[in-house]
Amino acid sequence: MDISVPNNVVPDAIVGMSSAVAEPAGKEEEGKSGDRRVKWNQKETHEFDDTDLWTHDPNETATEMISCYRRECSSNKVRPITRLLEQLERFDDLSIPMDTLDLKGVKLDSTSCEVLEAVLSRIHMNTLDLERCNLEDEGAIALCEMIEFYGCASRVNLSNNAKLRPRAWLTIGRMLKKSPFLSMINVSWCSLEEQTLTLLLRSVRANCSLSILKMEGNSLSGKGTFILMAAMKFNENLQEIWLGNNSLVTEDGQHLGNILRTNHCLKVLDLKDNSLGDAGVKYICAGVSEQAHGLLTLNLKSNSIGPEGFHHVATMLPATKTLRELNLSNNRCGDNGLFTLKLGLLANRALEKLILSNTRMTCEGAIALAEVLAESKHLTHVDIRENDIRVAGLMALQLAHRMNFHLISMQTPKAFKVEQRDRQLIRDLLTEIEKYSSRNQLKKEEKAEAERRRLHEEQHAAIPKGNPEEQGTFTAGGNQRTAIPSQASVDEEEKDIDPSIVGSLDNVYSDEPDMTNEDDPFKKVPVMDERDKPSTLQEMEKSMDAVVEYSEQGVDTSMERCGSDDELSSLDQGSRGLPDIVSSPPPDVTSQEPRTDVAAVDLLEAGGEPSTQLVDLTDSQG
């Protein structure tokens, strides 16, 4: 395949394709048609020093830059971009990088892109937003060459530009490879194909400086994830990959699991809005389980995951020591999935944020989650919105939150299907949950302030004598040593973790052959406060009778049945768990008949109709 390129170019070797990339020169460049008007600085590209990235002419002002841009537009007979001028007029100091240069939605032809050199050669920005600019090859090539040569941006958004062809993607890949200052590129919804994806990911394979890669909405299922797997095998810098809306299926989950097995530098993997299913999630969970360190955030929102898939997630949780955020929302697992997930959450010692919105959770699932929250010392954020949780489940969550001094945010449903008589009770429970969240947030801030004061005092204290290996001591040179917990304390914290309680994901890939050199697509593809802690099981059962009696009898729904503050504070300092009535093995909700509220039954027996209705508590006041 032969691609037309400008005359003054330096070829870039590509296996299986004859092509070239435009090279900046120390003079005006002319394209094949003689209409290129990009004027490069006299500095040679091989002398470029990224440590001198933000230097500028101290005598030049923003007004002079705007005047230069207007002159260029006039000489090239193009209209100046009004949005650009408005942003430049608000920007005074050229020595400080601009946060964002926003050109989103502005139609840019090749000439409009070329005159932007008057701005990009004089100003620097953290983000250059070129989303939906209707870019074509000539304009995109000119902009990429400017970004590469002048180092004017560290984050580039090229999303929703579907007209870019292989020649433009060749230049984009070269820009990523040659620009040590670029940290993020967004190429979502750009209609990437196998050939253009290969040209783009060559720079990832070459271990470029890129740390964030967003490729959402490009239909990468099949060959696309295989090419990504091959590129990530040699990359140690990429930390975030966003692959939402790519129609990924089980086979793609296998490729992504391979990435997680071999690459431990990846921190964020966003897979929302795909169709991985239970089988695909199995491979991903197995890859995370094999990481000694690595992934911090895993987004599996809307991936058709059922109870079996939640079992694989529960198996992964005891094994991972680094995962901090897990999004399982919009997966209709039901209460059975929550019962299985509970076992993994109880054994996990790292997860901080858990999102379970719209998972068909009912009161039984909420009670199972409450048992986890009563024990957890790590979870700080929980999202259970858009679930059918009623009074019994909310009471269990409120009591668990009261016992937990680490949870600072619990996002609850905004609407509840309750009887008219229970509306005020729901309001009181929600108020209590908000109060406990504020209490925990205040304790966290106080703890952070105390730690800051302690470090400040240590910095002004004299160097203590003693063993420098002890925590908080200073070495002879005056440098503070990092406080490292003893192995005994680590063993004490983790001795109760038994991964076997949720199964194993060993040998998931035992029947999968390793990728050989012949398979490499880059070689064959063309281009709590202590006094408040409840203690004994008997006292805890007394406090939880409200939940049980309400669901069994439907009478006496006052807040006092949850146990007063005096009752809980008088308990002994022992057990942290919920009573046996909650921790007993949950029933299989799929095989049970729907439970009828007692109040509704009483009304039916009396010849009336139940008054159950959907109540939105966000707007109603009583």
Foldseek 3Di string as FASTA:
>chain_A
DDDAWFDQWDADDAFPDGDTARADAQAAGAGPVRPGGAHDHNDHLVPDDVVCQLDADQVDWLVNLVVQLVVLCVVLVHDDDPLQVVVSVVDTDQSDAAAERDPAQAADELSNLRSCLSVQLRHAYAEYECHNNLYEQNSLSSNLNSCQRNVRYQEYEHEPNQRYDLNSLLSQLVSQQRHQRHAYYAHENRQDDLQSLLSNLVSLLVQGQYAEYEHEHRQCEDSNLVQVLLSLLRYQRHAEYAYEHNQYEQVSLQSLLSSLQRHQNHAYYHHAHYAHELNSLLSNLQSQLNHPHHYAEYEHHNHQYELSSLLSVLLSQLRHQHHAEYHHEPHQHELSSLLNNLNSLQNHQHYAEYEHEHNQYELLSLLSVLQSLLPDQRHAEYEHENYAYADLSLLSNLLSLLNHLRHQYYHYYQKYFDAPVCPVVVVVSVVSNNVSNVNSVVVVVVVVVVVVVVVVVLLVDDQDDDDLVAAQHADPVGDTDHGDDDPVVVCVVNVPRDSPVSHDSPPVCVPPDDDDPVNNCSNPPPRDDQLQHAADLVLLVQLSVLSVCCQVPVDDNDPCSNPDSVSRSPHDRHDSGHHCVSVPNDDDVVPDDDDDGNVQVVQVVVVHGGPTDMGRPPPDDD
